[in-house]
Amino acid sequence: MWFIILTLIIWGFYVFYMKRQLKDEFRFSESLIPLILLCIIAAICLGVNFVAAAIPSLNDGIAIHSFLARLIIGDDRWSVQLFKAYFDGAVYVSIFWILVYSLLKLYKK
């Protein structure tokens, strides 16, 4: 949860800064690109974490396999189902932001 809040706050400052610097040349759809990239990277990290937890021969137990996954999931109640739920959520959020970006690009045309 903290990861989402922190990401949105940093992205908000980024949008505000870009709007101030670019003024009339600023396009909101272009400011979504860093957010989309971060969502895709998070989905990949969570996917790797889920696959590693789902295949018992890779590990002696369940573990977090990346720094970003640890920030997102935290240190409590790890399970394969929890890892899958976070991975599914990250994929849905990534698809949502890609659709928003596509709609904004079409609307500006």
N, C-alpha and C. Protein backbone atom coordinates (compact mmCIF):
# COMPACT_ATOMS: atom_id res chain seq x y z
N MET A 1 0.82 -1.19 0.00
CA MET A 1 0.00 0.00 0.00
C MET A 1 0.87 1.26 0.00
N TRP A 2 1.93 1.24 0.79
CA TRP A 2 2.82 2.39 0.84
C TRP A 2 3.49 2.62 -0.51
N PHE A 3 3.78 1.54 -1.22
CA PHE A 3 4.40 1.66 -2.53
C PHE A 3 3.48 2.42 -3.49
N ILE A 4 2.20 2.12 -3.46
CA ILE A 4 1.24 2.78 -4.34
C ILE A 4 1.12 4.26 -3.99
N ILE A 5 1.01 4.56 -2.71
CA ILE A 5 0.88 5.95 -2.28
C ILE A 5 2.13 6.74 -2.65
N LEU A 6 3.29 6.18 -2.36
CA LEU A 6 4.55 6.86 -2.67
C LEU A 6 4.71 7.06 -4.18
N THR A 7 4.37 6.06 -4.96
CA THR A 7 4.46 6.16 -6.42
C THR A 7 3.56 7.26 -6.95
N LEU A 8 2.32 7.31 -6.48
CA LEU A 8 1.39 8.33 -6.96
C LEU A 8 1.80 9.74 -6.52
N ILE A 9 2.37 9.88 -5.33
CA ILE A 9 2.85 11.19 -4.88
C ILE A 9 4.01 11.66 -5.75
N ILE A 10 4.98 10.77 -5.98
CA ILE A 10 6.13 11.14 -6.82
C ILE A 10 5.67 11.45 -8.24
N TRP A 11 4.74 10.65 -8.78
CA TRP A 11 4.23 10.91 -10.11
C TRP A 11 3.48 12.24 -10.16
N GLY A 12 2.73 12.56 -9.12
CA GLY A 12 2.03 13.85 -9.05
C GLY A 12 3.00 15.02 -9.09
N PHE A 13 4.10 14.93 -8.33
CA PHE A 13 5.12 15.97 -8.38
C PHE A 13 5.74 16.06 -9.78
N TYR A 14 5.96 14.92 -10.39
CA TYR A 14 6.51 14.88 -11.75
C TYR A 14 5.59 15.59 -12.73
N VAL A 15 4.29 15.31 -12.66
CA VAL A 15 3.32 15.95 -13.56
C VAL A 15 3.28 17.45 -13.31
N PHE A 16 3.27 17.85 -12.04
CA PHE A 16 3.25 19.27 -11.70
C PHE A 16 4.49 19.98 -12.24
N TYR A 17 5.66 19.37 -12.07
CA TYR A 17 6.91 19.95 -12.55
C TYR A 17 6.92 20.06 -14.07
N MET A 18 6.49 18.99 -14.74
CA MET A 18 6.47 19.02 -16.21
C MET A 18 5.48 20.06 -16.73
N LYS A 19 4.35 20.20 -16.07
CA LYS A 19 3.35 21.20 -16.48
C LYS A 19 3.92 22.61 -16.33
N ARG A 20 4.66 22.84 -15.25
CA ARG A 20 5.27 24.15 -15.03
C ARG A 20 6.36 24.46 -16.04
N GLN A 21 7.14 23.45 -16.37
CA GLN A 21 8.26 23.67 -17.28
C GLN A 21 7.82 23.79 -18.74
N LEU A 22 6.89 22.95 -19.16
CA LEU A 22 6.51 22.89 -20.57
C LEU A 22 5.32 23.79 -20.94
N LYS A 23 4.54 24.20 -19.97
CA LYS A 23 3.37 25.05 -20.14
C LYS A 23 2.43 24.54 -21.24
N ASP A 24 2.38 25.20 -22.38
CA ASP A 24 1.43 24.83 -23.44
C ASP A 24 1.81 23.56 -24.18
N GLU A 25 3.07 23.17 -24.12
CA GLU A 25 3.51 21.96 -24.81
C GLU A 25 3.24 20.69 -24.00
N PHE A 26 2.79 20.86 -22.78
CA PHE A 26 2.56 19.72 -21.88
C PHE A 26 1.37 18.90 -22.36
N ARG A 27 1.55 17.60 -22.41
CA ARG A 27 0.48 16.66 -22.74
C ARG A 27 0.37 15.65 -21.61
N PHE A 28 -0.83 15.57 -21.04
CA PHE A 28 -1.03 14.66 -19.90
C PHE A 28 -0.76 13.21 -20.28
N SER A 29 -1.10 12.86 -21.51
CA SER A 29 -0.88 11.47 -21.94
C SER A 29 0.60 11.09 -21.91
N GLU A 30 1.47 12.03 -22.25
CA GLU A 30 2.90 11.74 -22.22
C GLU A 30 3.44 11.60 -20.81
N SER A 31 2.79 12.24 -19.85
CA SER A 31 3.24 12.11 -18.46
C SER A 31 2.86 10.76 -17.87
N LEU A 32 2.00 10.01 -18.54
CA LEU A 32 1.63 8.68 -18.07
C LEU A 32 2.68 7.62 -18.40
N ILE A 33 3.57 7.91 -19.33
CA ILE A 33 4.55 6.91 -19.77
C ILE A 33 5.44 6.41 -18.62
N PRO A 34 6.01 7.29 -17.76
CA PRO A 34 6.81 6.76 -16.64
C PRO A 34 6.00 5.89 -15.68
N LEU A 35 4.73 6.27 -15.46
CA LEU A 35 3.87 5.48 -14.58
C LEU A 35 3.59 4.10 -15.20
N ILE A 36 3.35 4.07 -16.48
CA ILE A 36 3.12 2.79 -17.17
C ILE A 36 4.36 1.91 -17.11
N LEU A 37 5.52 2.49 -17.34
CA LEU A 37 6.77 1.72 -17.28
C LEU A 37 7.00 1.15 -15.88
N LEU A 38 6.75 1.95 -14.86
CA LEU A 38 6.91 1.46 -13.49
C LEU A 38 5.93 0.33 -13.19
N CYS A 39 4.69 0.44 -13.66
CA CYS A 39 3.70 -0.62 -13.46
C CYS A 39 4.12 -1.91 -14.16
N ILE A 40 4.66 -1.80 -15.36
CA ILE A 40 5.10 -2.99 -16.09
C ILE A 40 6.30 -3.63 -15.40
N ILE A 41 7.24 -2.82 -14.94
CA ILE A 41 8.40 -3.35 -14.21
C ILE A 41 7.95 -4.03 -12.92
N ALA A 42 7.00 -3.42 -12.21
CA ALA A 42 6.48 -4.03 -10.98
C ALA A 42 5.78 -5.36 -11.30
N ALA A 43 5.02 -5.40 -12.38
CA ALA A 43 4.34 -6.64 -12.77
C ALA A 43 5.35 -7.74 -13.09
N ILE A 44 6.43 -7.38 -13.76
CA ILE A 44 7.47 -8.37 -14.08
C ILE A 44 8.11 -8.89 -12.80
N CYS A 45 8.47 -7.99 -11.87
CA CYS A 45 9.07 -8.41 -10.60
C CYS A 45 8.14 -9.31 -9.80
N LEU A 46 6.86 -8.94 -9.76
CA LEU A 46 5.90 -9.76 -9.03
C LEU A 46 5.65 -11.09 -9.73
N GLY A 47 5.71 -11.11 -11.06
CA GLY A 47 5.55 -12.35 -11.81
C GLY A 47 6.70 -13.31 -11.55
N VAL A 48 7.92 -12.78 -11.54
CA VAL A 48 9.08 -13.61 -11.23
C VAL A 48 8.96 -14.17 -9.82
N ASN A 49 8.51 -13.34 -8.90
CA ASN A 49 8.34 -13.77 -7.52
C ASN A 49 7.28 -14.87 -7.41
N PHE A 50 6.17 -14.72 -8.14
CA PHE A 50 5.11 -15.72 -8.11
C PHE A 50 5.57 -17.05 -8.70
N VAL A 51 6.24 -16.99 -9.84
CA VAL A 51 6.71 -18.22 -10.49
C VAL A 51 7.71 -18.94 -9.60
N ALA A 52 8.62 -18.19 -8.99
CA ALA A 52 9.62 -18.81 -8.12
C ALA A 52 8.97 -19.46 -6.91
N ALA A 53 7.89 -18.87 -6.40
CA ALA A 53 7.20 -19.45 -5.25
C ALA A 53 6.34 -20.65 -5.66
N ALA A 54 5.82 -20.63 -6.90
CA ALA A 54 4.93 -21.69 -7.35
C ALA A 54 5.66 -22.97 -7.72
N ILE A 55 6.95 -22.88 -8.01
CA ILE A 55 7.73 -24.06 -8.38
C ILE A 55 8.63 -24.42 -7.19
N PRO A 56 8.25 -25.43 -6.43
CA PRO A 56 8.98 -25.75 -5.20
C PRO A 56 10.43 -26.18 -5.43
N SER A 57 10.75 -26.70 -6.60
CA SER A 57 12.11 -27.17 -6.82
C SER A 57 13.11 -26.02 -6.96
N LEU A 58 12.63 -24.79 -7.16
CA LEU A 58 13.52 -23.64 -7.27
C LEU A 58 14.02 -23.14 -5.91
N ASN A 59 13.25 -23.38 -4.87
CA ASN A 59 13.56 -22.83 -3.54
C ASN A 59 13.36 -23.88 -2.47
N ASP A 60 13.87 -23.57 -1.29
CA ASP A 60 13.59 -24.40 -0.12
C ASP A 60 12.28 -23.98 0.53
N GLY A 61 11.80 -22.82 0.20
CA GLY A 61 10.55 -22.30 0.75
C GLY A 61 10.10 -21.10 -0.06
N ILE A 62 9.23 -20.32 0.52
CA ILE A 62 8.73 -19.12 -0.15
C ILE A 62 9.62 -17.95 0.24
N ALA A 63 10.02 -17.16 -0.75
CA ALA A 63 10.87 -16.01 -0.49
C ALA A 63 10.55 -14.90 -1.49
N ILE A 64 10.95 -13.70 -1.14
CA ILE A 64 10.84 -12.56 -2.03
C ILE A 64 12.12 -12.50 -2.86
N HIS A 65 11.99 -12.29 -4.16
CA HIS A 65 13.14 -12.38 -5.04
C HIS A 65 13.61 -11.06 -5.62
N SER A 66 12.98 -9.96 -5.28
CA SER A 66 13.46 -8.67 -5.77
C SER A 66 13.13 -7.58 -4.76
N PHE A 67 13.90 -6.52 -4.84
CA PHE A 67 13.72 -5.38 -3.94
C PHE A 67 12.35 -4.74 -4.14
N LEU A 68 11.93 -4.61 -5.39
CA LEU A 68 10.64 -3.99 -5.69
C LEU A 68 9.48 -4.84 -5.18
N ALA A 69 9.59 -6.15 -5.32
CA ALA A 69 8.54 -7.04 -4.80
C ALA A 69 8.44 -6.93 -3.28
N ARG A 70 9.57 -6.78 -2.61
CA ARG A 70 9.55 -6.62 -1.15
C ARG A 70 8.85 -5.32 -0.76
N LEU A 71 9.08 -4.26 -1.52
CA LEU A 71 8.40 -2.98 -1.24
C LEU A 71 6.89 -3.10 -1.42
N ILE A 72 6.48 -3.85 -2.42
CA ILE A 72 5.06 -3.96 -2.73
C ILE A 72 4.34 -4.91 -1.77
N ILE A 73 4.91 -6.09 -1.56
CA ILE A 73 4.24 -7.13 -0.78
C ILE A 73 4.45 -6.94 0.72
N GLY A 74 5.65 -6.59 1.11
CA GLY A 74 5.94 -6.46 2.54
C GLY A 74 6.49 -7.77 3.09
N ASP A 75 6.48 -7.90 4.41
CA ASP A 75 7.10 -9.06 5.06
C ASP A 75 6.11 -9.96 5.80
N ASP A 76 4.83 -9.80 5.57
CA ASP A 76 3.84 -10.56 6.35
C ASP A 76 3.08 -11.56 5.50
N ARG A 77 2.79 -12.71 6.08
CA ARG A 77 1.86 -13.73 5.56
C ARG A 77 2.12 -14.11 4.11
N TRP A 78 3.32 -14.45 3.77
CA TRP A 78 3.63 -14.86 2.40
C TRP A 78 2.97 -16.19 2.06
N SER A 79 2.44 -16.28 0.87
CA SER A 79 1.89 -17.53 0.35
C SER A 79 1.87 -17.42 -1.17
N VAL A 80 1.74 -18.55 -1.82
CA VAL A 80 1.68 -18.55 -3.28
C VAL A 80 0.44 -17.79 -3.74
N GLN A 81 -0.67 -17.94 -3.02
CA GLN A 81 -1.90 -17.25 -3.39
C GLN A 81 -1.75 -15.73 -3.25
N LEU A 82 -1.04 -15.29 -2.20
CA LEU A 82 -0.80 -13.87 -2.03
C LEU A 82 0.06 -13.32 -3.16
N PHE A 83 1.11 -14.05 -3.52
CA PHE A 83 1.98 -13.62 -4.61
C PHE A 83 1.20 -13.55 -5.93
N LYS A 84 0.32 -14.53 -6.16
CA LYS A 84 -0.50 -14.52 -7.38
C LYS A 84 -1.47 -13.34 -7.38
N ALA A 85 -2.06 -13.05 -6.24
CA ALA A 85 -3.01 -11.93 -6.15
C ALA A 85 -2.31 -10.60 -6.45
N TYR A 86 -1.12 -10.42 -5.92
CA TYR A 86 -0.37 -9.19 -6.20
C TYR A 86 0.05 -9.12 -7.67
N PHE A 87 0.46 -10.23 -8.23
CA PHE A 87 0.84 -10.26 -9.64
C PHE A 87 -0.35 -9.94 -10.52
N ASP A 88 -1.50 -10.57 -10.25
CA ASP A 88 -2.71 -10.29 -11.03
C ASP A 88 -3.09 -8.82 -10.92
N GLY A 89 -3.04 -8.27 -9.72
CA GLY A 89 -3.35 -6.85 -9.53
C GLY A 89 -2.42 -5.95 -10.32
N ALA A 90 -1.13 -6.26 -10.33
CA ALA A 90 -0.16 -5.45 -11.07
C ALA A 90 -0.43 -5.51 -12.57
N VAL A 91 -0.80 -6.67 -13.07
CA VAL A 91 -1.11 -6.79 -14.49
C VAL A 91 -2.36 -5.98 -14.83
N TYR A 92 -3.40 -6.06 -13.98
CA TYR A 92 -4.62 -5.30 -14.23
C TYR A 92 -4.36 -3.79 -14.20
N VAL A 93 -3.57 -3.34 -13.26
CA VAL A 93 -3.25 -1.91 -13.16
C VAL A 93 -2.46 -1.47 -14.39
N SER A 94 -1.52 -2.29 -14.84
CA SER A 94 -0.75 -1.95 -16.04
C SER A 94 -1.65 -1.85 -17.26
N ILE A 95 -2.55 -2.79 -17.41
CA ILE A 95 -3.49 -2.76 -18.54
C ILE A 95 -4.39 -1.53 -18.46
N PHE A 96 -4.84 -1.19 -17.25
CA PHE A 96 -5.68 -0.01 -17.06
C PHE A 96 -4.96 1.26 -17.51
N TRP A 97 -3.71 1.44 -17.06
CA TRP A 97 -2.97 2.65 -17.42
C TRP A 97 -2.65 2.69 -18.91
N ILE A 98 -2.41 1.55 -19.51
CA ILE A 98 -2.17 1.52 -20.96
C ILE A 98 -3.44 1.91 -21.72
N LEU A 99 -4.59 1.45 -21.25
CA LEU A 99 -5.86 1.84 -21.88
C LEU A 99 -6.13 3.33 -21.70
N VAL A 100 -5.86 3.87 -20.51
CA VAL A 100 -6.05 5.30 -20.28
C VAL A 100 -5.14 6.10 -21.21
N TYR A 101 -3.89 5.67 -21.32
CA TYR A 101 -2.94 6.34 -22.21
C TYR A 101 -3.44 6.30 -23.66
N SER A 102 -3.91 5.15 -24.10
CA SER A 102 -4.40 5.01 -25.48
C SER A 102 -5.61 5.90 -25.72
N LEU A 103 -6.54 5.94 -24.78
CA LEU A 103 -7.73 6.78 -24.92
C LEU A 103 -7.36 8.25 -24.95
N LEU A 104 -6.42 8.67 -24.13
CA LEU A 104 -5.99 10.07 -24.14
C LEU A 104 -5.31 10.44 -25.45
N LYS A 105 -4.51 9.52 -25.98
CA LYS A 105 -3.88 9.78 -27.27
C LYS A 105 -4.91 9.89 -28.39
N LEU A 106 -5.93 9.03 -28.36
CA LEU A 106 -6.98 9.09 -29.37
C LEU A 106 -7.82 10.36 -29.22
N TYR A 107 -8.07 10.75 -27.96
CA TYR A 107 -8.88 11.95 -27.71
C TYR A 107 -8.17 13.20 -28.20
N LYS A 108 -6.85 13.27 -28.04
CA LYS A 108 -6.10 14.44 -28.47
C LYS A 108 -6.03 14.55 -29.99
N LYS A 109 -6.15 13.41 -30.66
CA LYS A 109 -6.13 13.41 -32.14
C LYS A 109 -7.42 14.02 -32.64
